[in-house]
N, C-alpha and C. Protein backbone atom coordinates (compact mmCIF):
# COMPACT_ATOMS: atom_id res chain seq x y z
N MET A 1 114.12 102.72 127.14
CA MET A 1 113.75 102.92 125.75
C MET A 1 112.80 104.10 125.68
N THR A 2 113.13 105.05 124.82
CA THR A 2 112.25 106.20 124.64
C THR A 2 111.06 105.82 123.80
N ARG A 3 110.03 106.66 123.83
CA ARG A 3 108.82 106.33 123.09
C ARG A 3 108.68 107.10 121.79
N MET A 4 109.69 107.90 121.42
CA MET A 4 109.56 108.65 120.19
C MET A 4 110.90 108.88 119.53
N GLY A 5 110.82 109.17 118.22
CA GLY A 5 112.00 109.54 117.48
C GLY A 5 112.34 111.01 117.73
N THR A 6 111.37 111.90 117.49
CA THR A 6 111.56 113.34 117.69
C THR A 6 110.35 113.90 118.42
N TYR A 7 110.60 114.76 119.40
CA TYR A 7 109.55 115.42 120.15
C TYR A 7 109.59 116.91 119.79
N PHE A 8 108.45 117.46 119.36
CA PHE A 8 108.38 118.87 118.96
C PHE A 8 107.49 119.63 119.92
N TYR A 9 108.04 120.66 120.55
CA TYR A 9 107.28 121.61 121.36
C TYR A 9 107.75 123.00 120.93
N THR A 10 106.94 123.70 120.18
CA THR A 10 107.30 125.00 119.64
C THR A 10 106.41 126.06 120.27
N PRO A 11 106.99 127.15 120.75
CA PRO A 11 106.17 128.21 121.36
C PRO A 11 105.14 128.78 120.39
N ALA A 12 104.03 129.20 120.95
CA ALA A 12 102.98 129.84 120.13
C ALA A 12 103.55 131.07 119.43
N GLY A 13 103.06 131.32 118.23
CA GLY A 13 103.49 132.48 117.47
C GLY A 13 104.75 132.26 116.65
N THR A 14 105.31 131.05 116.69
CA THR A 14 106.51 130.75 115.90
C THR A 14 106.18 129.74 114.82
N THR A 15 107.05 129.65 113.82
CA THR A 15 106.90 128.66 112.76
C THR A 15 108.16 127.81 112.72
N SER A 16 107.97 126.48 112.69
CA SER A 16 109.08 125.54 112.64
C SER A 16 108.84 124.54 111.54
N ASN A 17 109.91 123.91 111.08
CA ASN A 17 109.84 122.88 110.05
C ASN A 17 110.48 121.60 110.54
N TYR A 18 109.82 120.48 110.30
CA TYR A 18 110.38 119.15 110.51
C TYR A 18 110.43 118.55 109.12
N LYS A 19 111.65 118.50 108.53
CA LYS A 19 111.75 118.24 107.10
C LYS A 19 112.90 117.30 106.79
N TRP A 20 112.64 116.37 105.85
CA TRP A 20 113.65 115.47 105.28
C TRP A 20 114.28 114.54 106.31
N ASN A 21 113.47 113.93 107.15
CA ASN A 21 113.97 113.00 108.16
C ASN A 21 113.51 111.58 107.84
N TYR A 22 114.24 110.62 108.39
CA TYR A 22 113.86 109.21 108.29
C TYR A 22 113.87 108.63 109.69
N TYR A 23 112.79 107.89 110.02
CA TYR A 23 112.72 107.22 111.32
C TYR A 23 112.24 105.80 111.11
N ALA A 24 113.03 104.84 111.59
CA ALA A 24 112.63 103.43 111.60
C ALA A 24 112.25 103.10 113.03
N GLY A 25 110.98 102.76 113.24
CA GLY A 25 110.49 102.47 114.57
C GLY A 25 111.03 101.17 115.14
N LYS A 26 110.56 100.83 116.32
CA LYS A 26 111.04 99.66 117.05
C LYS A 26 110.27 98.38 116.73
N GLY A 27 109.27 98.47 115.83
CA GLY A 27 108.50 97.27 115.49
C GLY A 27 107.46 96.96 116.55
N THR A 28 107.14 95.68 116.71
CA THR A 28 106.10 95.27 117.65
C THR A 28 106.68 95.09 119.06
N GLY A 29 105.81 95.25 120.07
CA GLY A 29 106.21 95.05 121.45
C GLY A 29 105.31 95.79 122.40
N ASP A 30 105.59 95.66 123.68
CA ASP A 30 104.81 96.28 124.75
C ASP A 30 105.38 97.67 125.05
N PHE A 31 105.17 98.62 124.15
CA PHE A 31 105.66 99.98 124.30
C PHE A 31 104.94 100.87 123.29
N LEU A 32 105.09 102.18 123.46
CA LEU A 32 104.59 103.14 122.48
C LEU A 32 105.77 103.66 121.67
N ASP A 33 105.52 103.92 120.41
CA ASP A 33 106.58 104.36 119.51
C ASP A 33 106.00 105.37 118.54
N TYR A 34 106.52 106.59 118.58
CA TYR A 34 106.08 107.65 117.68
C TYR A 34 107.30 108.15 116.90
N GLY A 35 107.21 108.18 115.58
CA GLY A 35 108.30 108.75 114.80
C GLY A 35 108.45 110.23 115.09
N LEU A 36 107.32 110.92 115.21
CA LEU A 36 107.29 112.34 115.55
C LEU A 36 106.14 112.56 116.52
N GLU A 37 106.45 113.12 117.68
CA GLU A 37 105.44 113.47 118.67
C GLU A 37 105.38 114.99 118.76
N VAL A 38 104.17 115.54 118.58
CA VAL A 38 103.98 116.99 118.52
C VAL A 38 103.09 117.44 119.67
N ASN A 39 103.53 118.48 120.38
CA ASN A 39 102.77 119.03 121.50
C ASN A 39 102.90 120.54 121.48
N SER A 40 101.78 121.23 121.49
CA SER A 40 101.71 122.68 121.65
C SER A 40 102.64 123.44 120.71
N VAL A 41 102.22 123.53 119.47
CA VAL A 41 103.03 124.23 118.49
C VAL A 41 102.37 125.54 118.08
N GLY A 42 103.15 126.46 117.55
CA GLY A 42 102.60 127.62 116.87
C GLY A 42 102.16 127.12 115.51
N THR A 43 103.08 127.16 114.54
CA THR A 43 102.87 126.54 113.24
C THR A 43 104.01 125.56 113.00
N LEU A 44 103.68 124.33 112.67
CA LEU A 44 104.68 123.31 112.38
C LEU A 44 104.39 122.72 111.02
N ASN A 45 105.40 122.74 110.14
CA ASN A 45 105.31 122.13 108.83
C ASN A 45 106.09 120.82 108.86
N VAL A 46 105.39 119.71 108.66
CA VAL A 46 106.00 118.38 108.64
C VAL A 46 106.05 117.97 107.17
N VAL A 47 107.24 118.02 106.57
CA VAL A 47 107.36 117.94 105.11
C VAL A 47 108.40 116.90 104.69
N GLU A 48 107.98 116.00 103.78
CA GLU A 48 108.85 115.07 103.08
C GLU A 48 109.72 114.22 104.02
N ASN A 49 109.07 113.58 104.99
CA ASN A 49 109.74 112.66 105.89
C ASN A 49 109.29 111.24 105.56
N GLU A 50 110.07 110.27 106.00
CA GLU A 50 109.66 108.87 105.89
C GLU A 50 109.72 108.26 107.29
N ILE A 51 108.57 107.74 107.72
CA ILE A 51 108.47 107.15 109.07
C ILE A 51 107.82 105.77 108.93
N GLU A 52 108.45 104.76 109.52
CA GLU A 52 107.92 103.40 109.38
C GLU A 52 108.16 102.59 110.65
N ASP A 53 107.42 101.47 110.72
CA ASP A 53 107.60 100.45 111.76
C ASP A 53 107.29 100.91 113.18
N CYS A 54 106.30 101.78 113.35
CA CYS A 54 105.83 102.19 114.68
C CYS A 54 104.63 101.30 115.01
N LEU A 55 104.89 100.16 115.63
CA LEU A 55 103.88 99.11 115.79
C LEU A 55 103.57 98.74 117.24
N GLY A 56 104.27 99.27 118.21
CA GLY A 56 104.08 98.88 119.60
C GLY A 56 102.69 99.20 120.14
N VAL A 57 102.26 98.38 121.10
CA VAL A 57 100.99 98.59 121.80
C VAL A 57 101.26 98.43 123.30
N ALA A 58 100.89 99.43 124.09
CA ALA A 58 101.08 99.37 125.54
C ALA A 58 100.00 98.48 126.15
N THR A 59 100.40 97.36 126.72
CA THR A 59 99.41 96.42 127.25
C THR A 59 98.68 96.96 128.48
N PHE A 60 99.27 97.91 129.22
CA PHE A 60 98.60 98.40 130.43
C PHE A 60 97.33 99.16 130.13
N ASP A 61 97.22 99.80 128.94
CA ASP A 61 95.98 100.52 128.62
C ASP A 61 95.55 100.39 127.15
N GLY A 62 96.30 99.64 126.34
CA GLY A 62 95.93 99.43 124.95
C GLY A 62 96.28 100.57 124.02
N SER A 63 97.02 101.58 124.51
CA SER A 63 97.43 102.70 123.66
C SER A 63 98.28 102.18 122.50
N GLU A 64 98.10 102.80 121.32
CA GLU A 64 98.78 102.34 120.12
C GLU A 64 99.80 103.36 119.63
N SER A 65 100.80 102.86 118.94
CA SER A 65 101.83 103.70 118.35
C SER A 65 101.31 104.38 117.08
N SER A 66 101.97 105.48 116.69
CA SER A 66 101.65 106.22 115.47
C SER A 66 102.94 106.71 114.84
N ALA A 67 102.95 106.78 113.51
CA ALA A 67 104.10 107.39 112.85
C ALA A 67 104.21 108.86 113.29
N ILE A 68 103.08 109.57 113.30
CA ILE A 68 103.02 110.95 113.79
C ILE A 68 101.91 111.03 114.83
N TYR A 69 102.22 111.59 116.00
CA TYR A 69 101.24 111.70 117.09
C TYR A 69 101.18 113.15 117.54
N ILE A 70 99.99 113.76 117.44
CA ILE A 70 99.76 115.14 117.84
C ILE A 70 98.83 115.12 119.04
N HIS A 71 99.23 115.75 120.15
CA HIS A 71 98.39 115.65 121.36
C HIS A 71 98.47 116.88 122.24
N ASP A 72 97.48 117.00 123.09
CA ASP A 72 97.42 117.99 124.17
C ASP A 72 97.94 119.36 123.79
N THR A 73 97.56 119.82 122.64
CA THR A 73 97.97 121.17 122.26
C THR A 73 97.24 122.16 123.14
N ASP A 74 97.98 122.81 124.03
CA ASP A 74 97.34 123.62 125.06
C ASP A 74 97.19 125.09 124.69
N VAL A 75 97.48 125.44 123.45
CA VAL A 75 97.27 126.80 122.97
C VAL A 75 96.32 126.73 121.78
N VAL A 76 95.20 127.41 121.87
CA VAL A 76 94.22 127.39 120.80
C VAL A 76 94.80 128.09 119.57
N GLY A 77 94.56 127.50 118.40
CA GLY A 77 94.98 128.13 117.17
C GLY A 77 96.28 127.62 116.59
N ASN A 78 96.76 126.48 117.05
CA ASN A 78 97.96 125.89 116.47
C ASN A 78 97.68 125.41 115.06
N ILE A 79 98.72 125.36 114.24
CA ILE A 79 98.58 124.86 112.87
C ILE A 79 99.66 123.81 112.64
N VAL A 80 99.23 122.62 112.20
CA VAL A 80 100.17 121.56 111.83
C VAL A 80 99.86 121.17 110.39
N ASN A 81 100.83 121.38 109.50
CA ASN A 81 100.70 121.00 108.09
C ASN A 81 101.55 119.75 107.87
N ILE A 82 100.92 118.67 107.44
CA ILE A 82 101.61 117.40 107.20
C ILE A 82 101.53 117.14 105.70
N THR A 83 102.66 117.30 104.99
CA THR A 83 102.63 117.29 103.53
C THR A 83 103.80 116.49 102.96
N GLY A 84 103.48 115.61 102.00
CA GLY A 84 104.52 114.93 101.24
C GLY A 84 105.31 113.89 102.02
N ASN A 85 104.71 113.26 103.00
CA ASN A 85 105.40 112.26 103.83
C ASN A 85 105.02 110.85 103.39
N ILE A 86 105.90 109.90 103.70
CA ILE A 86 105.60 108.48 103.51
C ILE A 86 105.51 107.87 104.90
N LEU A 87 104.32 107.41 105.27
CA LEU A 87 104.08 106.81 106.58
C LEU A 87 103.66 105.37 106.33
N SER A 88 104.46 104.41 106.81
CA SER A 88 104.19 103.02 106.44
C SER A 88 104.45 102.05 107.58
N ASN A 89 103.84 100.88 107.43
CA ASN A 89 104.02 99.76 108.36
C ASN A 89 103.93 100.21 109.81
N SER A 90 102.87 100.92 110.15
CA SER A 90 102.66 101.42 111.51
C SER A 90 101.21 101.18 111.91
N THR A 91 100.97 101.13 113.20
CA THR A 91 99.60 100.93 113.68
C THR A 91 98.71 102.07 113.20
N SER A 92 99.19 103.31 113.36
CA SER A 92 98.44 104.47 112.89
C SER A 92 99.41 105.38 112.15
N GLY A 93 98.96 105.90 110.99
CA GLY A 93 99.79 106.86 110.27
C GLY A 93 99.88 108.16 111.06
N VAL A 94 98.71 108.75 111.36
CA VAL A 94 98.65 109.98 112.14
C VAL A 94 97.60 109.80 113.23
N GLY A 95 97.99 110.01 114.46
CA GLY A 95 97.08 109.99 115.60
C GLY A 95 96.95 111.40 116.15
N VAL A 96 95.72 111.85 116.36
CA VAL A 96 95.49 113.20 116.88
C VAL A 96 94.60 113.09 118.10
N ASP A 97 95.09 113.57 119.23
CA ASP A 97 94.37 113.50 120.49
C ASP A 97 94.55 114.84 121.19
N THR A 98 93.70 115.82 120.84
CA THR A 98 93.86 117.16 121.40
C THR A 98 92.77 117.46 122.41
N LEU A 99 92.94 118.56 123.12
CA LEU A 99 91.96 118.97 124.12
C LEU A 99 90.63 119.27 123.44
N VAL A 100 89.55 119.04 124.14
CA VAL A 100 88.21 119.22 123.58
C VAL A 100 87.97 120.65 123.11
N ASN A 101 88.50 121.64 123.81
CA ASN A 101 88.25 123.03 123.44
C ASN A 101 89.31 123.58 122.48
N ASP A 102 90.19 122.73 121.99
CA ASP A 102 91.26 123.18 121.11
C ASP A 102 90.74 123.36 119.69
N ALA A 103 91.06 124.48 119.10
CA ALA A 103 90.64 124.76 117.72
C ALA A 103 91.84 124.72 116.78
N SER A 104 92.76 123.79 117.02
CA SER A 104 93.93 123.67 116.17
C SER A 104 93.54 123.30 114.74
N ILE A 105 94.36 123.70 113.81
CA ILE A 105 94.15 123.37 112.40
C ILE A 105 95.19 122.33 112.02
N ILE A 106 94.74 121.18 111.57
CA ILE A 106 95.65 120.12 111.16
C ILE A 106 95.31 119.77 109.73
N VAL A 107 96.30 119.90 108.86
CA VAL A 107 96.09 119.66 107.43
C VAL A 107 97.05 118.56 106.99
N MET A 108 96.48 117.49 106.44
CA MET A 108 97.26 116.40 105.86
C MET A 108 97.02 116.42 104.36
N ARG A 109 98.04 116.66 103.56
CA ARG A 109 97.89 116.70 102.11
C ARG A 109 99.06 115.98 101.45
N SER A 110 98.76 115.26 100.38
CA SER A 110 99.77 114.64 99.52
C SER A 110 100.72 113.72 100.29
N ASN A 111 100.17 112.92 101.20
CA ASN A 111 100.95 111.93 101.93
C ASN A 111 100.64 110.54 101.39
N ILE A 112 101.57 109.64 101.56
CA ILE A 112 101.34 108.24 101.22
C ILE A 112 101.26 107.47 102.53
N LEU A 113 100.15 106.76 102.73
CA LEU A 113 99.96 105.95 103.92
C LEU A 113 99.74 104.51 103.47
N THR A 114 100.71 103.63 103.71
CA THR A 114 100.61 102.24 103.29
C THR A 114 100.92 101.31 104.45
N ASP A 115 100.28 100.18 104.44
CA ASP A 115 100.48 99.16 105.47
C ASP A 115 100.30 99.73 106.88
N VAL A 116 99.30 100.60 107.01
CA VAL A 116 98.91 101.11 108.32
C VAL A 116 97.46 100.70 108.56
N THR A 117 97.15 100.28 109.78
CA THR A 117 95.78 99.89 110.10
C THR A 117 94.88 101.11 110.07
N GLU A 118 95.31 102.16 110.74
CA GLU A 118 94.57 103.42 110.78
C GLU A 118 95.42 104.47 110.07
N GLY A 119 94.90 105.02 108.98
CA GLY A 119 95.62 106.11 108.32
C GLY A 119 95.59 107.36 109.17
N LEU A 120 94.42 107.62 109.77
CA LEU A 120 94.22 108.78 110.62
C LEU A 120 93.24 108.38 111.72
N ASN A 121 93.62 108.67 112.95
CA ASN A 121 92.74 108.45 114.10
C ASN A 121 92.68 109.77 114.85
N SER A 122 91.53 110.46 114.74
CA SER A 122 91.40 111.81 115.28
C SER A 122 90.28 111.90 116.31
N SER A 123 90.59 112.52 117.43
CA SER A 123 89.56 112.79 118.43
C SER A 123 89.40 114.31 118.62
N THR A 124 89.56 115.04 117.52
CA THR A 124 89.50 116.50 117.59
C THR A 124 88.09 117.04 117.46
N LEU A 125 87.88 118.23 118.00
CA LEU A 125 86.61 118.93 117.84
C LEU A 125 86.52 119.51 116.43
N THR A 126 87.63 120.07 115.94
CA THR A 126 87.70 120.61 114.59
C THR A 126 88.13 119.50 113.64
N ALA A 127 87.47 119.37 112.51
CA ALA A 127 87.80 118.30 111.55
C ALA A 127 89.21 118.47 111.00
N VAL A 128 89.94 117.36 110.92
CA VAL A 128 91.24 117.35 110.28
C VAL A 128 91.02 117.35 108.77
N ASP A 129 91.68 118.23 108.06
CA ASP A 129 91.60 118.28 106.60
C ASP A 129 92.59 117.25 106.06
N ALA A 130 92.08 116.12 105.58
CA ALA A 130 92.93 115.01 105.16
C ALA A 130 92.67 114.59 103.71
N ALA A 131 92.31 115.54 102.87
CA ALA A 131 92.06 115.25 101.46
C ALA A 131 93.37 115.10 100.70
N ASP A 132 93.26 114.47 99.52
CA ASP A 132 94.38 114.35 98.58
C ASP A 132 95.53 113.48 99.06
N ASN A 133 95.26 112.53 99.94
CA ASN A 133 96.28 111.57 100.38
C ASN A 133 96.07 110.24 99.68
N TRP A 134 97.13 109.46 99.55
CA TRP A 134 97.05 108.09 99.07
C TRP A 134 96.91 107.20 100.30
N TRP A 135 95.77 106.52 100.40
CA TRP A 135 95.44 105.72 101.58
C TRP A 135 95.78 104.24 101.39
N GLY A 136 96.48 103.91 100.32
CA GLY A 136 96.89 102.53 100.09
C GLY A 136 96.03 101.77 99.10
N HIS A 137 94.94 102.39 98.64
CA HIS A 137 94.07 101.74 97.66
C HIS A 137 93.28 102.82 96.91
N ALA A 138 93.01 102.57 95.63
CA ALA A 138 92.29 103.54 94.79
C ALA A 138 90.88 103.81 95.30
N SER A 139 90.29 102.89 96.06
CA SER A 139 88.94 103.09 96.59
C SER A 139 88.91 104.07 97.76
N GLY A 140 90.07 104.52 98.20
CA GLY A 140 90.14 105.49 99.29
C GLY A 140 90.17 104.83 100.65
N PRO A 141 90.14 105.65 101.69
CA PRO A 141 90.22 105.11 103.04
C PRO A 141 88.92 104.44 103.46
N LYS A 142 89.05 103.46 104.31
CA LYS A 142 87.87 102.85 104.92
C LYS A 142 87.34 103.85 105.94
N ASN A 143 86.05 104.13 105.87
CA ASN A 143 85.42 105.01 106.83
C ASN A 143 83.93 104.74 106.84
N THR A 144 83.41 104.39 108.00
CA THR A 144 81.99 104.17 108.15
C THR A 144 81.42 105.41 108.82
N PRO A 145 80.48 106.10 108.23
CA PRO A 145 79.64 105.75 107.11
C PRO A 145 80.04 106.41 105.79
N SER A 146 81.04 107.29 105.78
CA SER A 146 81.31 108.11 104.60
C SER A 146 81.92 107.38 103.40
N ASN A 147 82.65 106.30 103.63
CA ASN A 147 83.25 105.54 102.53
C ASN A 147 83.37 104.08 102.94
N ALA A 148 82.25 103.44 103.17
CA ALA A 148 82.24 102.05 103.63
C ALA A 148 82.88 101.10 102.61
N ALA A 149 82.89 101.47 101.33
CA ALA A 149 83.50 100.63 100.29
C ALA A 149 85.01 100.81 100.20
N GLY A 150 85.56 101.78 100.93
CA GLY A 150 87.00 102.01 100.89
C GLY A 150 87.76 100.85 101.50
N THR A 151 88.83 100.45 100.86
CA THR A 151 89.64 99.35 101.38
C THR A 151 91.06 99.80 101.74
N GLY A 152 91.30 101.11 101.70
CA GLY A 152 92.60 101.63 102.12
C GLY A 152 92.65 101.76 103.63
N ALA A 153 93.68 102.42 104.13
CA ALA A 153 93.84 102.64 105.57
C ALA A 153 92.60 103.34 106.12
N GLU A 154 92.22 103.00 107.32
CA GLU A 154 90.99 103.53 107.92
C GLU A 154 91.17 104.96 108.43
N VAL A 155 90.11 105.76 108.27
CA VAL A 155 90.02 107.09 108.87
C VAL A 155 88.99 107.00 109.98
N ILE A 156 89.41 107.34 111.19
CA ILE A 156 88.55 107.27 112.37
C ILE A 156 88.43 108.68 112.95
N GLY A 157 87.22 109.09 113.27
CA GLY A 157 87.02 110.37 113.94
C GLY A 157 86.69 111.50 113.00
N ASN A 158 86.87 112.71 113.49
CA ASN A 158 86.44 113.92 112.81
C ASN A 158 87.46 114.34 111.76
N ALA A 159 87.17 114.03 110.49
CA ALA A 159 88.08 114.36 109.39
C ALA A 159 87.34 114.44 108.08
N THR A 160 87.84 115.27 107.17
CA THR A 160 87.38 115.26 105.78
C THR A 160 88.52 114.66 104.97
N PHE A 161 88.20 113.72 104.08
CA PHE A 161 89.25 113.01 103.36
C PHE A 161 88.97 112.88 101.88
N SER A 162 87.93 113.54 101.39
CA SER A 162 87.57 113.48 99.99
C SER A 162 87.85 114.83 99.35
N PRO A 163 88.45 114.88 98.17
CA PRO A 163 88.85 113.74 97.35
C PRO A 163 90.17 113.13 97.85
N TRP A 164 90.41 111.87 97.48
CA TRP A 164 91.67 111.21 97.84
C TRP A 164 92.42 110.87 96.56
N ALA A 165 93.71 110.64 96.69
CA ALA A 165 94.52 110.24 95.53
C ALA A 165 94.15 108.80 95.16
N THR A 166 94.06 108.53 93.88
CA THR A 166 93.69 107.18 93.42
C THR A 166 94.91 106.36 93.03
N ALA A 167 96.09 106.92 93.19
CA ALA A 167 97.35 106.21 92.96
C ALA A 167 98.45 106.89 93.76
N ALA A 168 99.46 106.10 94.12
CA ALA A 168 100.62 106.70 94.82
C ALA A 168 101.30 107.65 93.83
N PHE A 169 101.80 108.78 94.30
CA PHE A 169 102.27 109.81 93.39
C PHE A 169 103.74 110.12 93.51
N PHE A 170 104.47 109.50 94.40
CA PHE A 170 105.92 109.58 94.43
C PHE A 170 106.43 108.34 95.15
N PRO A 171 107.71 107.99 94.97
CA PRO A 171 108.19 106.68 95.47
C PRO A 171 108.04 106.48 96.96
């Protein structure tokens, strides 16, 4: 069983699009499941996709599945634009685990994240721009200390998420 729907590795200096796809994950189990796994891109536009049911957890180390997983980008200056996607019923909507010295730019705008425990889990040095997303509740994402009253999907790590959408804006 593979651990992802689509794997993207795009050479530096190029622009690629991942657009209009649907991925239904494998649900719960002892495995990792990523609708889209991204590694070392130039510029990647992730636009108008629907990814759901990425719920597996690897028992050997506790690693969690994500609808979109961005990791180990080994070229400084990568750009990932995540716009207009529906990410639902997954452990994490977007997981970002890049190298400490990586200055990649990751922008999440106008996405719907529902029924996800973590809307965004980022371990980046550079803050992920995650404003204008629907986090599943009008109060915005849960984030301690920046939005402790938020009851939507949680934002963990280095990210800016204000302002957020106060209602879902497309089906």
